[in-house]
Amino acid sequence: MLSRNHDIYCVLAHESKFLSVQGHRIEYQWIPGDPCIVFLHEGLGSLALWKDFPARVVQATGCGALVYSRYGYGQSDPLTEPRAVSFMHDEALKTLPDLLDQLGIARPILFGHSDGGSIALIHAGGSGRPVRGVIAMAPHVFVEEFGIRSIEAAKRTYATTGLRDKLARYHADPDSAFRGWNDIWLHPDFRAWNIEAYLPRIACPVLAIQGEDDEYGTMEQIDRIQCAIHQVEVLKLARCGHSPHRDQAEAVIERASRFIAALP
């Protein structure tokens, strides 16, 4: 593990590096270390939108870290085609393994938020690769009408407010990032999307975190995770929306640190 005196904040403030992964230029920052925490961002997220959260987790745990922007986000290549219904499966089972292999990361700890949490669960349950542990914040395992209504509202907000300008701080092509996320979630074919079949196959410990005021999903999401996975811990946070690492950062870091310290 890294020394707690290591200047994590300087390392993660450095200019991003790039790799070609599955034919796309991918932006990443990496602090080598074992174990390595791989941060998987939300559906409108990016490397930069994590802000200082990965550095704080690394400082608290002494682990290494990989933070990257998926295809279509941040400074990675913008989308050139609509996302497929299988986009999270493709990320979990093709892109993420390729990226981990290129960097020589074995048995990662996957720390995912929202879509990133779903990708972490799919990878752990479906890739056949060793995973040390999964932390899934506000993950989706099935599509809820409640969440679809919020995504429809986000589409209106993007068209009528300054949301595009805000996203432009974190994405080279904010329109590509937003439409890539919003269009597929609102596509009729996506209503049948479901990853619950992967959950019983997950052999590593899982920490599932959700805010009681999450605007994109109900507690049914992590309740189903709790029922399906043998080694699972659940953290339900009051006064917390869809982004626990922003709304309740201290509580998330404290619980995540204890979870990571106990991993075999």
C-alpha atoms as a PDB file:
ATOM      1  CA  MET A   1       0.000   0.000   0.000  1.00  0.00           C
ATOM      2  CA  LEU A   2       1.036   3.618  -0.461  1.00  0.00           C
ATOM      3  CA  SER A   3       2.368   5.628   2.437  1.00  0.00           C
ATOM      4  CA  ARG A   4      -0.212   7.936   3.948  1.00  0.00           C
ATOM      5  CA  ASN A   5       2.374  10.700   3.541  1.00  0.00           C
ATOM      6  CA  HIS A   6       2.386  10.202  -0.216  1.00  0.00           C
ATOM      7  CA  ASP A   7       1.309  13.393  -1.985  1.00  0.00           C
ATOM      8  CA  ILE A   8      -1.859  11.884  -3.452  1.00  0.00           C
ATOM      9  CA  TYR A   9      -3.434  15.212  -4.263  1.00  0.00           C
ATOM     10  CA  CYS A  10      -0.490  16.267  -6.431  1.00  0.00           C
ATOM     11  CA  VAL A  11      -0.469  12.955  -8.294  1.00  0.00           C
ATOM     12  CA  LEU A  12      -4.173  13.144  -9.145  1.00  0.00           C
ATOM     13  CA  ALA A  13      -3.859  16.816 -10.095  1.00  0.00           C
ATOM     14  CA  HIS A  14      -1.366  15.989 -12.846  1.00  0.00           C
ATOM     15  CA  GLU A  15      -2.380  16.136 -16.476  1.00  0.00           C
ATOM     16  CA  SER A  16      -4.226  13.028 -17.588  1.00  0.00           C
ATOM     17  CA  LYS A  17      -2.647  10.271 -19.630  1.00  0.00           C
ATOM     18  CA  PHE A  18      -4.299   8.430 -22.514  1.00  0.00           C
ATOM     19  CA  LEU A  19      -4.523   4.832 -23.708  1.00  0.00           C
ATOM     20  CA  SER A  20      -6.178   3.227 -26.714  1.00  0.00           C
ATOM     21  CA  VAL A  21      -8.785   0.850 -25.290  1.00  0.00           C
ATOM     22  CA  GLN A  22     -11.142  -1.117 -27.557  1.00  0.00           C
ATOM     23  CA  GLY A  23     -10.347   1.318 -30.365  1.00  0.00           C
ATOM     24  CA  HIS A  24     -11.009   4.514 -28.405  1.00  0.00           C
ATOM     25  CA  ARG A  25      -8.715   7.074 -26.776  1.00  0.00           C
ATOM     26  CA  ILE A  26      -9.368   6.879 -23.034  1.00  0.00           C
ATOM     27  CA  GLU A  27      -8.339   9.477 -20.454  1.00  0.00           C
ATOM     28  CA  TYR A  28      -6.993   8.163 -17.160  1.00  0.00           C
ATOM     29  CA  GLN A  29      -4.962   8.930 -14.047  1.00  0.00           C
ATOM     30  CA  TRP A  30      -3.258   6.143 -12.152  1.00  0.00           C
ATOM     31  CA  ILE A  31      -1.478   5.802  -8.834  1.00  0.00           C
ATOM     32  CA  PRO A  32       0.054   2.303  -8.886  1.00  0.00           C
ATOM     33  CA  GLY A  33      -0.465   0.274  -5.744  1.00  0.00           C
ATOM     34  CA  ASP A  34      -1.818  -3.017  -4.493  1.00  0.00           C
ATOM     35  CA  PRO A  35      -4.656  -3.235  -3.868  1.00  0.00           C
ATOM     36  CA  CYS A  36      -5.821  -0.799  -6.531  1.00  0.00           C
ATOM     37  CA  ILE A  37      -9.207   0.915  -6.358  1.00  0.00           C
ATOM     38  CA  VAL A  38     -10.769   1.451  -9.796  1.00  0.00           C
ATOM     39  CA  PHE A  39     -13.239   4.341  -9.793  1.00  0.00           C
ATOM     40  CA  LEU A  40     -16.154   3.976 -12.244  1.00  0.00           C
ATOM     41  CA  HIS A  41     -18.102   7.191 -12.715  1.00  0.00           C
ATOM     42  CA  GLU A  42     -21.815   7.885 -13.088  1.00  0.00           C
ATOM     43  CA  GLY A  43     -23.801   8.287 -16.312  1.00  0.00           C
ATOM     44  CA  LEU A  44     -22.912  11.985 -16.664  1.00  0.00           C
ATOM     45  CA  GLY A  45     -19.599  11.722 -14.849  1.00  0.00           C
ATOM     46  CA  SER A  46     -15.949  11.814 -15.842  1.00  0.00           C
ATOM     47  CA  LEU A  47     -12.508  11.645 -14.313  1.00  0.00           C
ATOM     48  CA  ALA A  48     -12.645  15.356 -13.447  1.00  0.00           C
ATOM     49  CA  LEU A  49     -16.162  15.234 -12.000  1.00  0.00           C
ATOM     50  CA  TRP A  50     -14.984  12.925  -9.206  1.00  0.00           C
ATOM     51  CA  LYS A  51     -13.034  16.001  -8.025  1.00  0.00           C
ATOM     52  CA  ASP A  52     -10.997  15.195  -4.893  1.00  0.00           C
ATOM     53  CA  PHE A  53     -13.019  12.160  -3.791  1.00  0.00           C
ATOM     54  CA  PRO A  54     -10.628   9.480  -5.147  1.00  0.00           C
ATOM     55  CA  ALA A  55      -7.681  11.260  -3.531  1.00  0.00           C
ATOM     56  CA  ARG A  56      -9.500  11.320  -0.201  1.00  0.00           C
ATOM     57  CA  VAL A  57     -10.269   7.598  -0.427  1.00  0.00           C
ATOM     58  CA  VAL A  58      -6.657   6.816  -1.320  1.00  0.00           C
ATOM     59  CA  GLN A  59      -5.444   8.965   1.565  1.00  0.00           C
ATOM     60  CA  ALA A  60      -7.773   7.133   3.952  1.00  0.00           C
ATOM     61  CA  THR A  61      -6.955   3.615   2.744  1.00  0.00           C
ATOM     62  CA  GLY A  62      -3.387   3.717   1.449  1.00  0.00           C
ATOM     63  CA  CYS A  63      -4.490   1.936  -1.734  1.00  0.00           C
ATOM     64  CA  GLY A  64      -3.507   2.663  -5.291  1.00  0.00           C
ATOM     65  CA  ALA A  65      -6.116   4.146  -7.631  1.00  0.00           C
ATOM     66  CA  LEU A  66      -7.184   4.201 -11.260  1.00  0.00           C
ATOM     67  CA  VAL A  67      -9.613   6.917 -12.323  1.00  0.00           C
ATOM     68  CA  TYR A  68     -10.711   7.159 -15.945  1.00  0.00           C
ATOM     69  CA  SER A  69     -13.328   8.660 -18.241  1.00  0.00           C
ATOM     70  CA  ARG A  70     -15.278   6.116 -20.256  1.00  0.00           C
ATOM     71  CA  TYR A  71     -15.691   6.464 -24.009  1.00  0.00           C
ATOM     72  CA  GLY A  72     -17.957   9.460 -24.641  1.00  0.00           C
ATOM     73  CA  TYR A  73     -17.032  11.285 -21.426  1.00  0.00           C
ATOM     74  CA  GLY A  74     -14.475  13.756 -20.116  1.00  0.00           C
ATOM     75  CA  GLN A  75     -11.449  14.091 -22.385  1.00  0.00           C
ATOM     76  CA  SER A  76     -11.867  10.591 -23.802  1.00  0.00           C
ATOM     77  CA  ASP A  77     -13.049  10.225 -27.392  1.00  0.00           C
ATOM     78  CA  PRO A  78     -16.593  11.568 -27.898  1.00  0.00           C
ATOM     79  CA  LEU A  79     -19.306   9.221 -29.073  1.00  0.00           C
ATOM     80  CA  THR A  80     -19.668   8.755 -32.809  1.00  0.00           C
ATOM     81  CA  GLU A  81     -22.787   6.581 -32.586  1.00  0.00           C
ATOM     82  CA  PRO A  82     -25.758   6.098 -30.226  1.00  0.00           C
ATOM     83  CA  ARG A  83     -25.156   3.874 -27.228  1.00  0.00           C
ATOM     84  CA  ALA A  84     -26.513   0.333 -27.390  1.00  0.00           C
ATOM     85  CA  VAL A  85     -28.737  -1.208 -24.730  1.00  0.00           C
ATOM     86  CA  SER A  86     -25.716  -3.373 -23.876  1.00  0.00           C
ATOM     87  CA  PHE A  87     -23.401  -0.407 -23.257  1.00  0.00           C
ATOM     88  CA  MET A  88     -22.815  -1.173 -19.563  1.00  0.00           C
ATOM     89  CA  HIS A  89     -22.228  -4.854 -20.329  1.00  0.00           C
ATOM     90  CA  ASP A  90     -19.757  -3.882 -23.063  1.00  0.00           C
ATOM     91  CA  GLU A  91     -17.885  -1.615 -20.652  1.00  0.00           C
ATOM     92  CA  ALA A  92     -17.803  -4.240 -17.899  1.00  0.00           C
ATOM     93  CA  LEU A  93     -16.929  -7.275 -19.999  1.00  0.00           C
ATOM     94  CA  LYS A  94     -14.783  -5.825 -22.801  1.00  0.00           C
ATOM     95  CA  THR A  95     -13.421  -2.336 -22.116  1.00  0.00           C
ATOM     96  CA  LEU A  96     -12.630  -2.640 -18.413  1.00  0.00           C
ATOM     97  CA  PRO A  97     -10.746  -5.963 -18.805  1.00  0.00           C
ATOM     98  CA  ASP A  98      -8.717  -4.461 -21.664  1.00  0.00           C
ATOM     99  CA  LEU A  99      -7.833  -1.390 -19.586  1.00  0.00           C
ATOM    100  CA  LEU A 100      -6.889  -3.450 -16.519  1.00  0.00           C
ATOM    101  CA  ASP A 101      -4.707  -5.757 -18.612  1.00  0.00           C
ATOM    102  CA  GLN A 102      -2.872  -2.856 -20.246  1.00  0.00           C
ATOM    103  CA  LEU A 103      -2.031  -1.384 -16.842  1.00  0.00           C
ATOM    104  CA  GLY A 104      -1.292  -4.735 -15.209  1.00  0.00           C
ATOM    105  CA  ILE A 105      -3.957  -4.350 -12.525  1.00  0.00           C
ATOM    106  CA  ALA A 106      -4.993  -7.677 -10.990  1.00  0.00           C
ATOM    107  CA  ARG A 107      -7.733  -8.240  -8.379  1.00  0.00           C
ATOM    108  CA  PRO A 108      -8.974  -4.632  -8.298  1.00  0.00           C
ATOM    109  CA  ILE A 109     -11.398  -3.115  -5.845  1.00  0.00           C
ATOM    110  CA  LEU A 110     -14.171  -1.650  -8.008  1.00  0.00           C
ATOM    111  CA  PHE A 111     -15.726   1.571  -6.683  1.00  0.00           C
ATOM    112  CA  GLY A 112     -18.641   2.530  -8.921  1.00  0.00           C
ATOM    113  CA  HIS A 113     -21.295   5.231  -8.821  1.00  0.00           C
ATOM    114  CA  SER A 114     -24.701   4.891 -10.539  1.00  0.00           C
ATOM    115  CA  ASP A 115     -24.012   3.441 -14.024  1.00  0.00           C
ATOM    116  CA  GLY A 116     -20.474   2.847 -12.774  1.00  0.00           C
ATOM    117  CA  GLY A 117     -21.858   0.811  -9.886  1.00  0.00           C
ATOM    118  CA  SER A 118     -23.812  -1.319 -12.338  1.00  0.00           C
ATOM    119  CA  ILE A 119     -20.681  -1.810 -14.446  1.00  0.00           C
ATOM    120  CA  ALA A 120     -18.785  -2.920 -11.331  1.00  0.00           C
ATOM    121  CA  LEU A 121     -21.461  -5.503 -10.495  1.00  0.00           C
ATOM    122  CA  ILE A 122     -21.582  -6.854 -14.059  1.00  0.00           C
ATOM    123  CA  HIS A 123     -17.797  -7.161 -14.159  1.00  0.00           C
ATOM    124  CA  ALA A 124     -17.632  -8.917 -10.797  1.00  0.00           C
ATOM    125  CA  GLY A 125     -20.418 -11.328 -11.716  1.00  0.00           C
ATOM    126  CA  GLY A 126     -19.774 -11.900 -15.395  1.00  0.00           C
ATOM    127  CA  SER A 127     -16.159 -11.359 -16.419  1.00  0.00           C
ATOM    128  CA  GLY A 128     -14.704 -14.471 -14.790  1.00  0.00           C
ATOM    129  CA  ARG A 129     -11.809 -12.320 -13.561  1.00  0.00           C
ATOM    130  CA  PRO A 130     -10.674 -11.975  -9.941  1.00  0.00           C
ATOM    131  CA  VAL A 131     -12.110  -8.996  -8.070  1.00  0.00           C
ATOM    132  CA  ARG A 132     -11.086  -8.216  -4.505  1.00  0.00           C
ATOM    133  CA  GLY A 133     -14.260  -6.300  -3.630  1.00  0.00           C
ATOM    134  CA  VAL A 134     -17.002  -4.037  -4.987  1.00  0.00           C
ATOM    135  CA  ILE A 135     -18.340  -0.769  -3.603  1.00  0.00           C
ATOM    136  CA  ALA A 136     -21.489   0.211  -5.501  1.00  0.00           C
ATOM    137  CA  MET A 137     -23.032   3.624  -4.801  1.00  0.00           C
ATOM    138  CA  ALA A 138     -26.570   4.189  -6.075  1.00  0.00           C
ATOM    139  CA  PRO A 139     -26.279   1.308  -8.560  1.00  0.00           C
ATOM    140  CA  HIS A 140     -29.000   0.284 -10.997  1.00  0.00           C
ATOM    141  CA  VAL A 141     -29.872  -3.405 -11.300  1.00  0.00           C
ATOM    142  CA  PHE A 142     -33.213  -2.928 -13.068  1.00  0.00           C
ATOM    143  CA  VAL A 143     -35.141  -0.046 -14.640  1.00  0.00           C
ATOM    144  CA  GLU A 144     -37.685   1.763 -12.476  1.00  0.00           C
ATOM    145  CA  GLU A 145     -40.378   4.129 -13.721  1.00  0.00           C
ATOM    146  CA  PHE A 146     -39.364   6.418 -10.863  1.00  0.00           C
ATOM    147  CA  GLY A 147     -35.891   6.797 -12.331  1.00  0.00           C
ATOM    148  CA  ILE A 148     -37.148   7.210 -15.889  1.00  0.00           C
ATOM    149  CA  ARG A 149     -39.241  10.203 -14.820  1.00  0.00           C
ATOM    150  CA  SER A 150     -36.135  11.842 -13.364  1.00  0.00           C
ATOM    151  CA  ILE A 151     -34.181  11.173 -16.557  1.00  0.00           C
ATOM    152  CA  GLU A 152     -37.001  12.734 -18.587  1.00  0.00           C
ATOM    153  CA  ALA A 153     -36.822  15.760 -16.293  1.00  0.00           C
ATOM    154  CA  ALA A 154     -33.058  15.948 -16.841  1.00  0.00           C
ATOM    155  CA  LYS A 155     -33.663  16.124 -20.600  1.00  0.00           C
ATOM    156  CA  ARG A 156     -35.905  19.162 -20.102  1.00  0.00           C
ATOM    157  CA  THR A 157     -33.389  20.724 -17.744  1.00  0.00           C
ATOM    158  CA  TYR A 158     -30.578  20.308 -20.263  1.00  0.00           C
ATOM    159  CA  ALA A 159     -32.639  22.049 -22.951  1.00  0.00           C
ATOM    160  CA  THR A 160     -33.808  24.978 -20.822  1.00  0.00           C
ATOM    161  CA  THR A 161     -31.127  25.779 -18.222  1.00  0.00           C
ATOM    162  CA  GLY A 162     -27.384  26.215 -17.842  1.00  0.00           C
ATOM    163  CA  LEU A 163     -26.758  22.499 -17.317  1.00  0.00           C
ATOM    164  CA  ARG A 164     -24.891  22.246 -20.617  1.00  0.00           C
ATOM    165  CA  ASP A 165     -22.430  24.935 -19.519  1.00  0.00           C
ATOM    166  CA  LYS A 166     -21.852  23.122 -16.231  1.00  0.00           C
ATOM    167  CA  LEU A 167     -21.173  19.832 -17.991  1.00  0.00           C
ATOM    168  CA  ALA A 168     -18.791  21.587 -20.394  1.00  0.00           C
ATOM    169  CA  ARG A 169     -16.392  22.046 -17.467  1.00  0.00           C
ATOM    170  CA  TYR A 170     -15.991  18.269 -17.258  1.00  0.00           C
ATOM    171  CA  HIS A 171     -16.548  17.004 -20.823  1.00  0.00           C
ATOM    172  CA  ALA A 172     -14.849  17.965 -24.080  1.00  0.00           C
ATOM    173  CA  ASP A 173     -18.187  17.362 -25.841  1.00  0.00           C
ATOM    174  CA  PRO A 174     -21.032  17.897 -23.339  1.00  0.00           C
ATOM    175  CA  ASP A 175     -23.750  17.265 -25.933  1.00  0.00           C
ATOM    176  CA  SER A 176     -22.286  13.862 -26.780  1.00  0.00           C
ATOM    177  CA  ALA A 177     -21.945  12.984 -23.095  1.00  0.00           C
ATOM    178  CA  PHE A 178     -25.481  14.029 -22.219  1.00  0.00           C
ATOM    179  CA  ARG A 179     -27.241  12.533 -25.228  1.00  0.00           C
ATOM    180  CA  GLY A 180     -25.280   9.300 -24.962  1.00  0.00           C
ATOM    181  CA  TRP A 181     -26.609   8.829 -21.435  1.00  0.00           C
ATOM    182  CA  ASN A 182     -30.082  10.316 -21.766  1.00  0.00           C
ATOM    183  CA  ASP A 183     -31.096   8.858 -25.124  1.00  0.00           C
ATOM    184  CA  ILE A 184     -30.376   5.230 -24.272  1.00  0.00           C
ATOM    185  CA  TRP A 185     -32.013   5.370 -20.848  1.00  0.00           C
ATOM    186  CA  LEU A 186     -35.177   6.789 -22.457  1.00  0.00           C
ATOM    187  CA  HIS A 187     -35.158   4.352 -25.393  1.00  0.00           C
ATOM    188  CA  PRO A 188     -38.141   1.946 -25.245  1.00  0.00           C
ATOM    189  CA  ASP A 189     -35.828  -1.054 -25.664  1.00  0.00           C
ATOM    190  CA  PHE A 190     -33.987  -0.121 -22.479  1.00  0.00           C
ATOM    191  CA  ARG A 191     -37.032  -0.716 -20.256  1.00  0.00           C
ATOM    192  CA  ALA A 192     -36.207  -4.435 -20.172  1.00  0.00           C
ATOM    193  CA  TRP A 193     -32.586  -3.855 -19.092  1.00  0.00           C
ATOM    194  CA  ASN A 194     -31.790  -5.918 -15.990  1.00  0.00           C
ATOM    195  CA  ILE A 195     -28.548  -7.244 -14.470  1.00  0.00           C
ATOM    196  CA  GLU A 196     -29.944  -9.266 -11.556  1.00  0.00           C
ATOM    197  CA  ALA A 197     -28.761 -12.541 -13.115  1.00  0.00           C
ATOM    198  CA  TYR A 198     -25.160 -11.454 -12.463  1.00  0.00           C
ATOM    199  CA  LEU A 199     -25.628 -10.812  -8.751  1.00  0.00           C
ATOM    200  CA  PRO A 200     -25.597 -14.414  -7.403  1.00  0.00           C
ATOM    201  CA  ARG A 201     -22.408 -15.071  -9.375  1.00  0.00           C
ATOM    202  CA  ILE A 202     -20.450 -12.401  -7.492  1.00  0.00           C
ATOM    203  CA  ALA A 203     -17.951 -14.190  -5.254  1.00  0.00           C
ATOM    204  CA  CYS A 204     -16.255 -11.171  -3.655  1.00  0.00           C
ATOM    205  CA  PRO A 205     -17.556  -8.972  -0.809  1.00  0.00           C
ATOM    206  CA  VAL A 206     -19.853  -6.116  -1.854  1.00  0.00           C
ATOM    207  CA  LEU A 207     -20.729  -2.846  -0.115  1.00  0.00           C
ATOM    208  CA  ALA A 208     -23.931  -1.312  -1.542  1.00  0.00           C
ATOM    209  CA  ILE A 209     -24.644   2.338  -0.682  1.00  0.00           C
ATOM    210  CA  GLN A 210     -27.773   4.361  -1.398  1.00  0.00           C
ATOM    211  CA  GLY A 211     -29.249   7.664  -0.274  1.00  0.00           C
ATOM    212  CA  GLU A 212     -32.788   7.718   1.061  1.00  0.00           C
ATOM    213  CA  ASP A 213     -33.532  10.743  -1.155  1.00  0.00           C
ATOM    214  CA  ASP A 214     -32.050   9.307  -4.366  1.00  0.00           C
ATOM    215  CA  GLU A 215     -33.881  10.912  -7.276  1.00  0.00           C
ATOM    216  CA  TYR A 216     -32.912   8.185  -9.769  1.00  0.00           C
ATOM    217  CA  GLY A 217     -33.680   4.989  -7.874  1.00  0.00           C
ATOM    218  CA  THR A 218     -35.492   3.557  -4.881  1.00  0.00           C
ATOM    219  CA  MET A 219     -34.148   1.359  -2.094  1.00  0.00           C
ATOM    220  CA  GLU A 220     -35.506  -1.600  -4.058  1.00  0.00           C
ATOM    221  CA  GLN A 221     -32.253  -1.465  -6.036  1.00  0.00           C
ATOM    222  CA  ILE A 222     -29.952  -2.290  -3.138  1.00  0.00           C
ATOM    223  CA  ASP A 223     -32.587  -4.419  -1.414  1.00  0.00           C
ATOM    224  CA  ARG A 224     -32.432  -6.764  -4.413  1.00  0.00           C
ATOM    225  CA  ILE A 225     -28.640  -6.719  -4.256  1.00  0.00           C
ATOM    226  CA  GLN A 226     -28.793  -7.638  -0.579  1.00  0.00           C
ATOM    227  CA  CYS A 227     -31.095 -10.576  -1.294  1.00  0.00           C
ATOM    228  CA  ALA A 228     -29.002 -11.932  -4.172  1.00  0.00           C
ATOM    229  CA  ILE A 229     -25.391 -11.654  -2.971  1.00  0.00           C
ATOM    230  CA  HIS A 230     -23.956 -13.777  -0.167  1.00  0.00           C
ATOM    231  CA  GLN A 231     -21.188 -11.440   1.054  1.00  0.00           C
ATOM    232  CA  VAL A 232     -22.916  -8.065   1.106  1.00  0.00           C
ATOM    233  CA  GLU A 233     -23.076  -5.047   3.375  1.00  0.00           C
ATOM    234  CA  VAL A 234     -25.630  -2.276   2.899  1.00  0.00           C
ATOM    235  CA  LEU A 235     -25.367   1.388   3.879  1.00  0.00           C
ATOM    236  CA  LYS A 236     -28.547   3.466   3.614  1.00  0.00           C
ATOM    237  CA  LEU A 237     -27.919   7.171   4.150  1.00  0.00           C
ATOM    238  CA  ALA A 238     -30.425   9.754   5.372  1.00  0.00           C
ATOM    239  CA  ARG A 239     -30.345  13.269   3.912  1.00  0.00           C
ATOM    240  CA  CYS A 240     -28.619  11.889   0.837  1.00  0.00           C
ATOM    241  CA  GLY A 241     -29.532  11.949  -2.849  1.00  0.00           C
ATOM    242  CA  HIS A 242     -28.098  10.164  -5.874  1.00  0.00           C
ATOM    243  CA  SER A 243     -24.478  11.120  -5.121  1.00  0.00           C
ATOM    244  CA  PRO A 244     -23.508   9.797  -1.681  1.00  0.00           C
ATOM    245  CA  HIS A 245     -19.845  10.718  -2.230  1.00  0.00           C
ATOM    246  CA  ARG A 246     -20.900  14.361  -2.474  1.00  0.00           C
ATOM    247  CA  ASP A 247     -23.862  14.493  -0.084  1.00  0.00           C
ATOM    248  CA  GLN A 248     -22.354  12.325   2.676  1.00  0.00           C
ATOM    249  CA  ALA A 249     -18.672  12.127   1.770  1.00  0.00           C
ATOM    250  CA  GLU A 250     -17.330  11.564   5.279  1.00  0.00           C
ATOM    251  CA  ALA A 251     -19.774   8.739   5.997  1.00  0.00           C
ATOM    252  CA  VAL A 252     -18.984   7.071   2.664  1.00  0.00           C
ATOM    253  CA  ILE A 253     -15.211   7.323   3.090  1.00  0.00           C
ATOM    254  CA  GLU A 254     -15.363   6.013   6.660  1.00  0.00           C
ATOM    255  CA  ARG A 255     -17.509   3.003   5.752  1.00  0.00           C
ATOM    256  CA  ALA A 256     -15.604   2.309   2.530  1.00  0.00           C
ATOM    257  CA  SER A 257     -12.301   2.412   4.413  1.00  0.00           C
ATOM    258  CA  ARG A 258     -13.519  -0.139   6.970  1.00  0.00           C
ATOM    259  CA  PHE A 259     -14.863  -2.346   4.184  1.00  0.00           C
ATOM    260  CA  ILE A 260     -11.574  -2.222   2.270  1.00  0.00           C
ATOM    261  CA  ALA A 261      -9.486  -2.881   5.390  1.00  0.00           C
ATOM    262  CA  ALA A 262     -11.464  -6.077   6.036  1.00  0.00           C
ATOM    263  CA  LEU A 263     -11.125  -7.488   2.506  1.00  0.00           C
ATOM    264  CA  PRO A 264      -9.227 -10.776   2.236  1.00  0.00           C
END
